[in-house]
Amino acid sequence: MGARLLECVPNFSEGREREKISQLAEAICSASGVALLDIDSDPDHNRSVITFAGPPEAVAEAAVRAAGAAVELIDLTRHRGVHPRIGALDVLPFVPLRGLGLEECAALAAATAEEIWRRHRLPAYLYEAAARRPERRNLAAIRRGQFERLREEALRDPQRRPDIGGPGLHPTAGAVAVGAREILIAFNVQLATEEVAAAREIASKIRSASGGLPEVKAMGVYLASRRQAQVSMNLTDFEVTPPWRAFAAVREEAARLGVAVAGAEFVGLVPRKALECPPGLTLPLGGFDERRILEVRLTECFPAG
């Protein structure tokens, strides 16, 4: 079976300042035993997704160090971007890859959140498999109102307080959502229009919460740097709804509105199987290369696995 292997995919509320992004990555790499797999930053979302992997204990230590760097480097009171967020280190998911299951990842997530609070005074909400309350399994429920509203509600409403630390949020770094989940694919489709209303209407049609595609979360945003509207999606189970099906649904809804699709992109790494498409359909991924495939990077970094 090989050594136990865990993936961690922290999302940081910084996608514009390259030096800060490099410092976040350096904090992760300062923990012995982990391998940095990918860095994906977006200036409009003002967000960076950094993927790393290693044995559970090493990954947990790297995550704690990453949280400390985020607290030092990122001030949410100055942060602006199109992506919802509650923290400088906004989400911290643990994903089992080999030799451990979701239950063990959930226990590790909770222990890591406790250590983040102990070292850095950054409170945490536990979500997905690590959730202590059913209503907090869904990350969107935790993020409601974002940092600006949550920092007020956490002080006056016990139902909005963090699971670990608090009761108030960190004044500049907010809080972190720490969880355990299976592989999630972040997948975006750009539209050949600046009309964000079109992207929002498409998102409302295709997301699971509106009766659309199963296991799909979606929102419509405007990308100022590209002068395009975007349908930004999380595919929470790509075996149920693969990227090609999500793309086809966006394209169909866009055509209904008289809008063309301009391109598509993955955020972070993607499993090889998720790239499969039926005959006659190709995802317009532009400069996508093999080092964006999860299995390729794992083989490069853990050749004996």
C-alpha atoms as a PDB file:
ATOM      1  CA  MET A   1       0.000   0.000   0.000  1.00  0.00           C
ATOM      2  CA  GLY A   2       2.882   2.381   0.688  1.00  0.00           C
ATOM      3  CA  ALA A   3       3.156   5.155   3.233  1.00  0.00           C
ATOM      4  CA  ARG A   4       0.070   7.019   4.372  1.00  0.00           C
ATOM      5  CA  LEU A   5      -0.536  10.087   2.253  1.00  0.00           C
ATOM      6  CA  LEU A   6      -2.738  13.111   2.874  1.00  0.00           C
ATOM      7  CA  GLU A   7      -3.492  16.091   0.644  1.00  0.00           C
ATOM      8  CA  CYS A   8      -4.169  19.584   2.002  1.00  0.00           C
ATOM      9  CA  VAL A   9      -5.584  22.411  -0.110  1.00  0.00           C
ATOM     10  CA  PRO A  10      -5.555  25.685   1.858  1.00  0.00           C
ATOM     11  CA  ASN A  11      -7.250  28.684   0.242  1.00  0.00           C
ATOM     12  CA  PHE A  12      -5.690  32.019   1.191  1.00  0.00           C
ATOM     13  CA  SER A  13      -7.310  35.450   0.770  1.00  0.00           C
ATOM     14  CA  GLU A  14      -4.388  36.794  -1.249  1.00  0.00           C
ATOM     15  CA  GLY A  15      -4.089  36.450  -5.012  1.00  0.00           C
ATOM     16  CA  ARG A  16      -2.310  39.631  -6.094  1.00  0.00           C
ATOM     17  CA  GLU A  17       0.939  40.181  -4.189  1.00  0.00           C
ATOM     18  CA  ARG A  18       3.439  37.612  -5.416  1.00  0.00           C
ATOM     19  CA  GLU A  19       5.828  38.115  -2.516  1.00  0.00           C
ATOM     20  CA  LYS A  20       3.159  37.325   0.047  1.00  0.00           C
ATOM     21  CA  ILE A  21       2.056  34.249  -1.902  1.00  0.00           C
ATOM     22  CA  SER A  22       5.671  33.050  -1.983  1.00  0.00           C
ATOM     23  CA  GLN A  23       5.955  33.550   1.774  1.00  0.00           C
ATOM     24  CA  LEU A  24       2.828  31.476   2.344  1.00  0.00           C
ATOM     25  CA  ALA A  25       4.294  28.671   0.248  1.00  0.00           C
ATOM     26  CA  GLU A  26       7.606  28.934   2.104  1.00  0.00           C
ATOM     27  CA  ALA A  27       5.822  28.537   5.431  1.00  0.00           C
ATOM     28  CA  ILE A  28       4.269  25.308   4.178  1.00  0.00           C
ATOM     29  CA  CYS A  29       7.565  23.985   2.833  1.00  0.00           C
ATOM     30  CA  SER A  30       9.344  24.747   6.106  1.00  0.00           C
ATOM     31  CA  ALA A  31       7.651  21.679   7.605  1.00  0.00           C
ATOM     32  CA  SER A  32       9.709  18.546   7.038  1.00  0.00           C
ATOM     33  CA  GLY A  33       8.146  15.772   4.977  1.00  0.00           C
ATOM     34  CA  VAL A  34       5.645  17.679   2.845  1.00  0.00           C
ATOM     35  CA  ALA A  35       5.804  18.316  -0.893  1.00  0.00           C
ATOM     36  CA  LEU A  36       4.401  21.421  -2.559  1.00  0.00           C
ATOM     37  CA  LEU A  37       2.292  20.258  -5.504  1.00  0.00           C
ATOM     38  CA  ASP A  38       0.746  23.406  -6.941  1.00  0.00           C
ATOM     39  CA  ILE A  39       0.081  27.132  -6.494  1.00  0.00           C
ATOM     40  CA  ASP A  40      -2.874  28.712  -8.287  1.00  0.00           C
ATOM     41  CA  SER A  41      -3.574  32.428  -7.762  1.00  0.00           C
ATOM     42  CA  ASP A  42      -6.287  34.649  -9.190  1.00  0.00           C
ATOM     43  CA  PRO A  43      -6.249  38.472  -8.869  1.00  0.00           C
ATOM     44  CA  ASP A  44      -9.994  38.956  -9.347  1.00  0.00           C
ATOM     45  CA  HIS A  45     -10.954  36.384  -6.742  1.00  0.00           C
ATOM     46  CA  ASN A  46      -7.926  37.733  -4.797  1.00  0.00           C
ATOM     47  CA  ARG A  47      -7.302  34.194  -3.675  1.00  0.00           C
ATOM     48  CA  SER A  48      -4.574  31.567  -3.845  1.00  0.00           C
ATOM     49  CA  VAL A  49      -5.055  27.815  -3.680  1.00  0.00           C
ATOM     50  CA  ILE A  50      -1.878  26.035  -2.575  1.00  0.00           C
ATOM     51  CA  THR A  51      -1.856  22.247  -2.755  1.00  0.00           C
ATOM     52  CA  PHE A  52       0.583  20.113  -0.771  1.00  0.00           C
ATOM     53  CA  ALA A  53       0.790  16.527   0.448  1.00  0.00           C
ATOM     54  CA  GLY A  54       2.652  14.259   2.819  1.00  0.00           C
ATOM     55  CA  PRO A  55       2.221  12.036   5.864  1.00  0.00           C
ATOM     56  CA  PRO A  56      -0.573  13.189   8.208  1.00  0.00           C
ATOM     57  CA  GLU A  57       1.640  14.559  10.994  1.00  0.00           C
ATOM     58  CA  ALA A  58       3.800  16.531   8.556  1.00  0.00           C
ATOM     59  CA  VAL A  59       0.776  17.930   6.734  1.00  0.00           C
ATOM     60  CA  ALA A  60      -0.796  19.047  10.016  1.00  0.00           C
ATOM     61  CA  GLU A  61       2.372  20.895  11.045  1.00  0.00           C
ATOM     62  CA  ALA A  62       2.644  22.570   7.631  1.00  0.00           C
ATOM     63  CA  ALA A  63      -0.980  23.673   7.919  1.00  0.00           C
ATOM     64  CA  VAL A  64      -0.380  25.249  11.321  1.00  0.00           C
ATOM     65  CA  ARG A  65       2.645  27.120   9.979  1.00  0.00           C
ATOM     66  CA  ALA A  66       0.642  28.278   6.955  1.00  0.00           C
ATOM     67  CA  ALA A  67      -2.018  29.654   9.291  1.00  0.00           C
ATOM     68  CA  GLY A  68       0.615  31.604  11.195  1.00  0.00           C
ATOM     69  CA  ALA A  69       1.971  33.115   7.988  1.00  0.00           C
ATOM     70  CA  ALA A  70      -1.541  34.077   6.857  1.00  0.00           C
ATOM     71  CA  VAL A  71      -2.230  35.841  10.163  1.00  0.00           C
ATOM     72  CA  GLU A  72       0.981  37.857   9.756  1.00  0.00           C
ATOM     73  CA  LEU A  73       0.659  38.675   6.063  1.00  0.00           C
ATOM     74  CA  ILE A  74      -3.035  39.159   5.271  1.00  0.00           C
ATOM     75  CA  ASP A  75      -5.327  41.888   6.608  1.00  0.00           C
ATOM     76  CA  LEU A  76      -8.957  41.132   5.784  1.00  0.00           C
ATOM     77  CA  THR A  77     -10.023  44.666   6.683  1.00  0.00           C
ATOM     78  CA  ARG A  78      -8.172  45.727   3.503  1.00  0.00           C
ATOM     79  CA  HIS A  79      -9.027  42.693   1.382  1.00  0.00           C
ATOM     80  CA  ARG A  80     -11.262  43.004  -1.685  1.00  0.00           C
ATOM     81  CA  GLY A  81     -12.122  40.220  -4.128  1.00  0.00           C
ATOM     82  CA  VAL A  82     -15.098  38.520  -5.768  1.00  0.00           C
ATOM     83  CA  HIS A  83     -14.777  35.288  -3.791  1.00  0.00           C
ATOM     84  CA  PRO A  84     -16.627  34.966  -0.443  1.00  0.00           C
ATOM     85  CA  ARG A  85     -14.278  34.625   2.579  1.00  0.00           C
ATOM     86  CA  ILE A  86     -14.202  34.669   6.359  1.00  0.00           C
ATOM     87  CA  GLY A  87     -10.467  34.423   6.929  1.00  0.00           C
ATOM     88  CA  ALA A  88      -6.961  35.241   5.797  1.00  0.00           C
ATOM     89  CA  LEU A  89      -6.565  31.465   5.642  1.00  0.00           C
ATOM     90  CA  ASP A  90     -10.133  30.985   4.510  1.00  0.00           C
ATOM     91  CA  VAL A  91     -10.505  27.221   4.221  1.00  0.00           C
ATOM     92  CA  LEU A  92      -8.215  24.370   5.212  1.00  0.00           C
ATOM     93  CA  PRO A  93      -9.456  21.012   3.894  1.00  0.00           C
ATOM     94  CA  PHE A  94      -7.738  17.657   4.546  1.00  0.00           C
ATOM     95  CA  VAL A  95      -8.213  15.043   1.809  1.00  0.00           C
ATOM     96  CA  PRO A  96      -7.322  11.356   2.269  1.00  0.00           C
ATOM     97  CA  LEU A  97      -5.242   9.937  -0.566  1.00  0.00           C
ATOM     98  CA  ARG A  98      -3.709   6.685   0.696  1.00  0.00           C
ATOM     99  CA  GLY A  99      -3.720   4.631   3.865  1.00  0.00           C
ATOM    100  CA  LEU A 100      -6.254   6.656   5.880  1.00  0.00           C
ATOM    101  CA  GLY A 101      -9.930   7.423   5.718  1.00  0.00           C
ATOM    102  CA  LEU A 102     -12.207  10.396   6.064  1.00  0.00           C
ATOM    103  CA  GLU A 103     -12.868   9.779   9.758  1.00  0.00           C
ATOM    104  CA  GLU A 104      -9.170   9.974  10.594  1.00  0.00           C
ATOM    105  CA  CYS A 105      -8.853  13.105   8.465  1.00  0.00           C
ATOM    106  CA  ALA A 106     -11.722  14.676  10.400  1.00  0.00           C
ATOM    107  CA  ALA A 107      -9.979  13.976  13.721  1.00  0.00           C
ATOM    108  CA  LEU A 108      -6.753  15.435  12.331  1.00  0.00           C
ATOM    109  CA  ALA A 109      -8.624  18.527  11.117  1.00  0.00           C
ATOM    110  CA  ALA A 110     -10.019  19.177  14.601  1.00  0.00           C
ATOM    111  CA  ALA A 111      -6.621  18.645  16.253  1.00  0.00           C
ATOM    112  CA  THR A 112      -4.977  20.988  13.739  1.00  0.00           C
ATOM    113  CA  ALA A 113      -7.627  23.648  14.362  1.00  0.00           C
ATOM    114  CA  GLU A 114      -6.925  23.419  18.109  1.00  0.00           C
ATOM    115  CA  GLU A 115      -3.201  23.872  17.472  1.00  0.00           C
ATOM    116  CA  ILE A 116      -3.815  26.840  15.157  1.00  0.00           C
ATOM    117  CA  TRP A 117      -5.809  28.505  17.929  1.00  0.00           C
ATOM    118  CA  ARG A 118      -3.157  27.676  20.534  1.00  0.00           C
ATOM    119  CA  ARG A 119      -0.246  29.063  18.508  1.00  0.00           C
ATOM    120  CA  HIS A 120      -1.822  31.848  16.488  1.00  0.00           C
ATOM    121  CA  ARG A 121      -5.128  32.755  18.222  1.00  0.00           C
ATOM    122  CA  LEU A 122      -6.980  32.182  14.972  1.00  0.00           C
ATOM    123  CA  PRO A 123     -10.421  30.678  15.733  1.00  0.00           C
ATOM    124  CA  ALA A 124     -11.851  27.882  13.605  1.00  0.00           C
ATOM    125  CA  TYR A 125     -15.130  26.564  12.275  1.00  0.00           C
ATOM    126  CA  LEU A 126     -15.244  22.834  11.488  1.00  0.00           C
ATOM    127  CA  TYR A 127     -17.012  21.806   8.274  1.00  0.00           C
ATOM    128  CA  GLU A 128     -17.811  18.797   6.064  1.00  0.00           C
ATOM    129  CA  ALA A 129     -16.784  15.503   7.717  1.00  0.00           C
ATOM    130  CA  ALA A 130     -15.153  17.378  10.627  1.00  0.00           C
ATOM    131  CA  ALA A 131     -18.324  19.355  11.467  1.00  0.00           C
ATOM    132  CA  ARG A 132     -19.571  19.217  15.055  1.00  0.00           C
ATOM    133  CA  ARG A 133     -22.971  20.617  14.078  1.00  0.00           C
ATOM    134  CA  PRO A 134     -25.044  19.331  11.143  1.00  0.00           C
ATOM    135  CA  GLU A 135     -25.719  22.834   9.874  1.00  0.00           C
ATOM    136  CA  ARG A 136     -21.980  23.487   9.564  1.00  0.00           C
ATOM    137  CA  ARG A 137     -21.253  20.644   7.167  1.00  0.00           C
ATOM    138  CA  ASN A 138     -21.988  23.074   4.337  1.00  0.00           C
ATOM    139  CA  LEU A 139     -19.256  25.690   4.058  1.00  0.00           C
ATOM    140  CA  ALA A 140     -21.673  28.227   2.586  1.00  0.00           C
ATOM    141  CA  ALA A 141     -23.637  28.270   5.840  1.00  0.00           C
ATOM    142  CA  ILE A 142     -20.500  29.195   7.786  1.00  0.00           C
ATOM    143  CA  ARG A 143     -19.526  31.865   5.257  1.00  0.00           C
ATOM    144  CA  ARG A 144     -22.913  33.597   5.298  1.00  0.00           C
ATOM    145  CA  GLY A 145     -22.309  37.323   5.596  1.00  0.00           C
ATOM    146  CA  GLN A 146     -18.552  36.881   5.113  1.00  0.00           C
ATOM    147  CA  PHE A 147     -15.914  38.315   7.443  1.00  0.00           C
ATOM    148  CA  GLU A 148     -17.582  41.685   7.835  1.00  0.00           C
ATOM    149  CA  ARG A 149     -20.867  40.326   9.185  1.00  0.00           C
ATOM    150  CA  LEU A 150     -19.544  37.215  10.896  1.00  0.00           C
ATOM    151  CA  ARG A 151     -17.187  39.187  13.126  1.00  0.00           C
ATOM    152  CA  GLU A 152     -20.216  41.027  14.540  1.00  0.00           C
ATOM    153  CA  GLU A 153     -22.580  38.054  14.735  1.00  0.00           C
ATOM    154  CA  ALA A 154     -20.026  35.803  16.446  1.00  0.00           C
ATOM    155  CA  LEU A 155     -19.935  38.204  19.399  1.00  0.00           C
ATOM    156  CA  ARG A 156     -23.694  38.478  19.906  1.00  0.00           C
ATOM    157  CA  ASP A 157     -25.085  35.147  18.647  1.00  0.00           C
ATOM    158  CA  PRO A 158     -23.870  31.881  20.232  1.00  0.00           C
ATOM    159  CA  GLN A 159     -25.015  29.989  17.124  1.00  0.00           C
ATOM    160  CA  ARG A 160     -22.469  31.892  15.021  1.00  0.00           C
ATOM    161  CA  ARG A 161     -19.463  31.495  17.305  1.00  0.00           C
ATOM    162  CA  PRO A 162     -16.437  29.462  16.192  1.00  0.00           C
ATOM    163  CA  ASP A 163     -16.161  25.802  17.168  1.00  0.00           C
ATOM    164  CA  ILE A 164     -12.632  26.361  18.441  1.00  0.00           C
ATOM    165  CA  GLY A 165     -11.358  29.603  19.962  1.00  0.00           C
ATOM    166  CA  GLY A 166     -13.172  32.876  19.998  1.00  0.00           C
ATOM    167  CA  PRO A 167     -15.847  33.852  20.721  1.00  0.00           C
ATOM    168  CA  GLY A 168     -14.733  36.789  18.583  1.00  0.00           C
ATOM    169  CA  LEU A 169     -12.824  36.512  15.329  1.00  0.00           C
ATOM    170  CA  HIS A 170      -9.217  37.585  14.910  1.00  0.00           C
ATOM    171  CA  PRO A 171      -9.357  41.360  14.222  1.00  0.00           C
ATOM    172  CA  THR A 172      -7.471  41.185  10.920  1.00  0.00           C
ATOM    173  CA  ALA A 173      -7.290  37.472  10.020  1.00  0.00           C
ATOM    174  CA  GLY A 174     -10.895  36.511  10.775  1.00  0.00           C
ATOM    175  CA  ALA A 175     -11.378  32.773  11.200  1.00  0.00           C
ATOM    176  CA  VAL A 176     -10.470  29.599   9.324  1.00  0.00           C
ATOM    177  CA  ALA A 177     -12.858  26.862   8.210  1.00  0.00           C
ATOM    178  CA  VAL A 178     -11.085  23.542   8.782  1.00  0.00           C
ATOM    179  CA  GLY A 179     -12.548  20.375   7.340  1.00  0.00           C
ATOM    180  CA  ALA A 180     -12.130  16.908   5.938  1.00  0.00           C
ATOM    181  CA  ARG A 181     -13.555  15.910   2.574  1.00  0.00           C
ATOM    182  CA  GLU A 182     -13.000  13.805  -0.507  1.00  0.00           C
ATOM    183  CA  ILE A 183     -11.468  15.304  -3.668  1.00  0.00           C
ATOM    184  CA  LEU A 184     -13.257  18.448  -4.844  1.00  0.00           C
ATOM    185  CA  ILE A 185     -12.732  20.036  -8.235  1.00  0.00           C
ATOM    186  CA  ALA A 186     -12.801  23.810  -8.612  1.00  0.00           C
ATOM    187  CA  PHE A 187     -13.856  24.466 -12.197  1.00  0.00           C
ATOM    188  CA  ASN A 188     -14.626  27.793 -13.864  1.00  0.00           C
ATOM    189  CA  VAL A 189     -16.176  28.703 -17.200  1.00  0.00           C
ATOM    190  CA  GLN A 190     -15.580  32.149 -18.715  1.00  0.00           C
ATOM    191  CA  LEU A 191     -18.290  33.803 -20.787  1.00  0.00           C
ATOM    192  CA  ALA A 192     -17.769  36.025 -23.817  1.00  0.00           C
ATOM    193  CA  THR A 193     -19.568  38.896 -22.122  1.00  0.00           C
ATOM    194  CA  GLU A 194     -19.051  41.379 -19.316  1.00  0.00           C
ATOM    195  CA  GLU A 195     -22.651  40.948 -18.158  1.00  0.00           C
ATOM    196  CA  VAL A 196     -22.318  39.342 -14.730  1.00  0.00           C
ATOM    197  CA  ALA A 197     -26.101  38.982 -14.579  1.00  0.00           C
ATOM    198  CA  ALA A 198     -25.818  36.281 -17.229  1.00  0.00           C
ATOM    199  CA  ALA A 199     -23.250  34.367 -15.193  1.00  0.00           C
ATOM    200  CA  ARG A 200     -25.417  34.636 -12.085  1.00  0.00           C
ATOM    201  CA  GLU A 201     -28.491  33.388 -13.901  1.00  0.00           C
ATOM    202  CA  ILE A 202     -26.565  30.428 -15.310  1.00  0.00           C
ATOM    203  CA  ALA A 203     -25.141  29.617 -11.876  1.00  0.00           C
ATOM    204  CA  SER A 204     -28.606  29.686 -10.347  1.00  0.00           C
ATOM    205  CA  LYS A 205     -29.845  27.227 -12.979  1.00  0.00           C
ATOM    206  CA  ILE A 206     -27.080  24.642 -12.702  1.00  0.00           C
ATOM    207  CA  ARG A 207     -26.286  24.479  -8.979  1.00  0.00           C
ATOM    208  CA  SER A 208     -27.649  21.682  -6.830  1.00  0.00           C
ATOM    209  CA  ALA A 209     -29.323  24.037  -4.362  1.00  0.00           C
ATOM    210  CA  SER A 210     -31.612  25.296  -7.151  1.00  0.00           C
ATOM    211  CA  GLY A 211     -32.455  21.834  -8.449  1.00  0.00           C
ATOM    212  CA  GLY A 212     -29.741  21.800 -11.094  1.00  0.00           C
ATOM    213  CA  LEU A 213     -26.845  19.401 -11.407  1.00  0.00           C
ATOM    214  CA  PRO A 214     -26.138  17.185  -8.390  1.00  0.00           C
ATOM    215  CA  GLU A 215     -22.992  17.864  -6.340  1.00  0.00           C
ATOM    216  CA  VAL A 216     -22.436  21.281  -7.938  1.00  0.00           C
ATOM    217  CA  LYS A 217     -21.999  24.618  -6.190  1.00  0.00           C
ATOM    218  CA  ALA A 218     -21.911  27.650  -8.478  1.00  0.00           C
ATOM    219  CA  MET A 219     -21.817  31.426  -8.444  1.00  0.00           C
ATOM    220  CA  GLY A 220     -21.546  34.111 -11.102  1.00  0.00           C
ATOM    221  CA  VAL A 221     -18.780  36.718 -10.775  1.00  0.00           C
ATOM    222  CA  TYR A 222     -17.153  39.472 -12.813  1.00  0.00           C
ATOM    223  CA  LEU A 223     -13.445  39.268 -13.624  1.00  0.00           C
ATOM    224  CA  ALA A 224     -12.265  42.853 -13.977  1.00  0.00           C
ATOM    225  CA  SER A 225      -8.761  41.909 -15.153  1.00  0.00           C
ATOM    226  CA  ARG A 226     -10.208  39.878 -18.056  1.00  0.00           C
ATOM    227  CA  ARG A 227     -13.357  41.952 -18.634  1.00  0.00           C
ATOM    228  CA  GLN A 228     -15.392  38.763 -18.568  1.00  0.00           C
ATOM    229  CA  ALA A 229     -18.164  37.234 -16.529  1.00  0.00           C
ATOM    230  CA  GLN A 230     -17.433  33.822 -15.032  1.00  0.00           C
ATOM    231  CA  VAL A 231     -19.433  30.884 -13.739  1.00  0.00           C
ATOM    232  CA  SER A 232     -17.309  29.673 -10.826  1.00  0.00           C
ATOM    233  CA  MET A 233     -18.071  26.115  -9.676  1.00  0.00           C
ATOM    234  CA  ASN A 234     -17.119  23.552  -7.072  1.00  0.00           C
ATOM    235  CA  LEU A 235     -17.797  19.976  -8.162  1.00  0.00           C
ATOM    236  CA  THR A 236     -18.057  18.206  -4.828  1.00  0.00           C
ATOM    237  CA  ASP A 237     -18.277  14.732  -6.394  1.00  0.00           C
ATOM    238  CA  PHE A 238     -16.861  14.614  -9.906  1.00  0.00           C
ATOM    239  CA  GLU A 239     -17.949  10.982 -10.295  1.00  0.00           C
ATOM    240  CA  VAL A 240     -21.566  12.207 -10.092  1.00  0.00           C
ATOM    241  CA  THR A 241     -21.142  15.410 -12.105  1.00  0.00           C
ATOM    242  CA  PRO A 242     -17.856  15.422 -14.068  1.00  0.00           C
ATOM    243  CA  PRO A 243     -16.412  18.653 -15.461  1.00  0.00           C
ATOM    244  CA  TRP A 244     -17.569  17.908 -19.009  1.00  0.00           C
ATOM    245  CA  ARG A 245     -21.175  17.674 -17.856  1.00  0.00           C
ATOM    246  CA  ALA A 246     -20.916  20.921 -15.880  1.00  0.00           C
ATOM    247  CA  PHE A 247     -19.351  22.629 -18.894  1.00  0.00           C
ATOM    248  CA  ALA A 248     -22.060  21.354 -21.222  1.00  0.00           C
ATOM    249  CA  ALA A 249     -24.754  22.655 -18.860  1.00  0.00           C
ATOM    250  CA  VAL A 250     -23.133  26.104 -18.673  1.00  0.00           C
ATOM    251  CA  ARG A 251     -22.786  26.221 -22.467  1.00  0.00           C
ATOM    252  CA  GLU A 252     -26.408  25.240 -22.949  1.00  0.00           C
ATOM    253  CA  GLU A 253     -27.692  27.860 -20.506  1.00  0.00           C
ATOM    254  CA  ALA A 254     -25.384  30.484 -22.008  1.00  0.00           C
ATOM    255  CA  ALA A 255     -26.686  29.727 -25.511  1.00  0.00           C
ATOM    256  CA  ARG A 256     -30.237  30.157 -24.230  1.00  0.00           C
ATOM    257  CA  LEU A 257     -29.227  33.684 -23.147  1.00  0.00           C
ATOM    258  CA  GLY A 258     -27.460  34.377 -26.435  1.00  0.00           C
ATOM    259  CA  VAL A 259     -23.997  34.299 -24.839  1.00  0.00           C
ATOM    260  CA  ALA A 260     -20.946  32.357 -26.051  1.00  0.00           C
ATOM    261  CA  VAL A 261     -18.494  30.485 -23.853  1.00  0.00           C
ATOM    262  CA  ALA A 262     -14.963  31.923 -23.946  1.00  0.00           C
ATOM    263  CA  GLY A 263     -12.994  29.219 -22.115  1.00  0.00           C
ATOM    264  CA  ALA A 264     -12.693  27.014 -19.059  1.00  0.00           C
ATOM    265  CA  GLU A 265     -10.143  26.419 -16.322  1.00  0.00           C
ATOM    266  CA  PHE A 266      -9.397  24.251 -13.320  1.00  0.00           C
ATOM    267  CA  VAL A 267      -8.226  25.814 -10.076  1.00  0.00           C
ATOM    268  CA  GLY A 268      -5.458  23.739  -8.541  1.00  0.00           C
ATOM    269  CA  LEU A 269      -4.887  20.095  -9.431  1.00  0.00           C
ATOM    270  CA  VAL A 270      -7.358  17.710 -11.002  1.00  0.00           C
ATOM    271  CA  PRO A 271      -7.525  13.884 -11.048  1.00  0.00           C
ATOM    272  CA  ARG A 272      -6.821  12.340 -14.443  1.00  0.00           C
ATOM    273  CA  LYS A 273     -10.238  10.681 -14.586  1.00  0.00           C
ATOM    274  CA  ALA A 274     -11.941  14.069 -14.314  1.00  0.00           C
ATOM    275  CA  LEU A 275     -10.482  15.063 -17.684  1.00  0.00           C
ATOM    276  CA  GLU A 276     -12.377  12.348 -19.534  1.00  0.00           C
ATOM    277  CA  CYS A 277     -14.968  13.622 -22.024  1.00  0.00           C
ATOM    278  CA  PRO A 278     -17.475  11.864 -24.267  1.00  0.00           C
ATOM    279  CA  PRO A 279     -16.783  11.751 -28.019  1.00  0.00           C
ATOM    280  CA  GLY A 280     -17.292  15.096 -29.689  1.00  0.00           C
ATOM    281  CA  LEU A 281     -16.737  17.243 -26.601  1.00  0.00           C
ATOM    282  CA  THR A 282     -13.463  18.889 -25.614  1.00  0.00           C
ATOM    283  CA  LEU A 283     -12.963  21.232 -22.681  1.00  0.00           C
ATOM    284  CA  PRO A 284     -11.461  24.576 -23.874  1.00  0.00           C
ATOM    285  CA  LEU A 285      -8.714  24.631 -21.241  1.00  0.00           C
ATOM    286  CA  GLY A 286      -6.136  26.745 -23.026  1.00  0.00           C
ATOM    287  CA  GLY A 287      -2.649  26.244 -21.567  1.00  0.00           C
ATOM    288  CA  PHE A 288      -3.460  23.204 -19.427  1.00  0.00           C
ATOM    289  CA  ASP A 289      -0.513  20.812 -19.081  1.00  0.00           C
ATOM    290  CA  GLU A 290       0.101  17.414 -17.489  1.00  0.00           C
ATOM    291  CA  ARG A 291       1.651  18.866 -14.335  1.00  0.00           C
ATOM    292  CA  ARG A 292      -1.832  20.055 -13.381  1.00  0.00           C
ATOM    293  CA  ILE A 293      -2.888  16.398 -13.055  1.00  0.00           C
ATOM    294  CA  LEU A 294      -2.888  15.214  -9.447  1.00  0.00           C
ATOM    295  CA  GLU A 295      -1.483  11.757 -10.153  1.00  0.00           C
ATOM    296  CA  VAL A 296       1.401  13.215 -12.163  1.00  0.00           C
ATOM    297  CA  ARG A 297       2.476  15.517  -9.358  1.00  0.00           C
ATOM    298  CA  LEU A 298       2.120  12.793  -6.718  1.00  0.00           C
ATOM    299  CA  THR A 299       4.313  10.441  -8.764  1.00  0.00           C
ATOM    300  CA  GLU A 300       6.924  13.182  -9.189  1.00  0.00           C
ATOM    301  CA  CYS A 301       6.984  14.011  -5.485  1.00  0.00           C
ATOM    302  CA  PHE A 302       6.408  10.559  -3.987  1.00  0.00           C
ATOM    303  CA  PRO A 303       7.928   8.180  -6.575  1.00  0.00           C
ATOM    304  CA  ALA A 304       7.921   5.185  -4.256  1.00  0.00           C
ATOM    305  CA  GLY A 305       4.160   5.458  -3.568  1.00  0.00           C
END
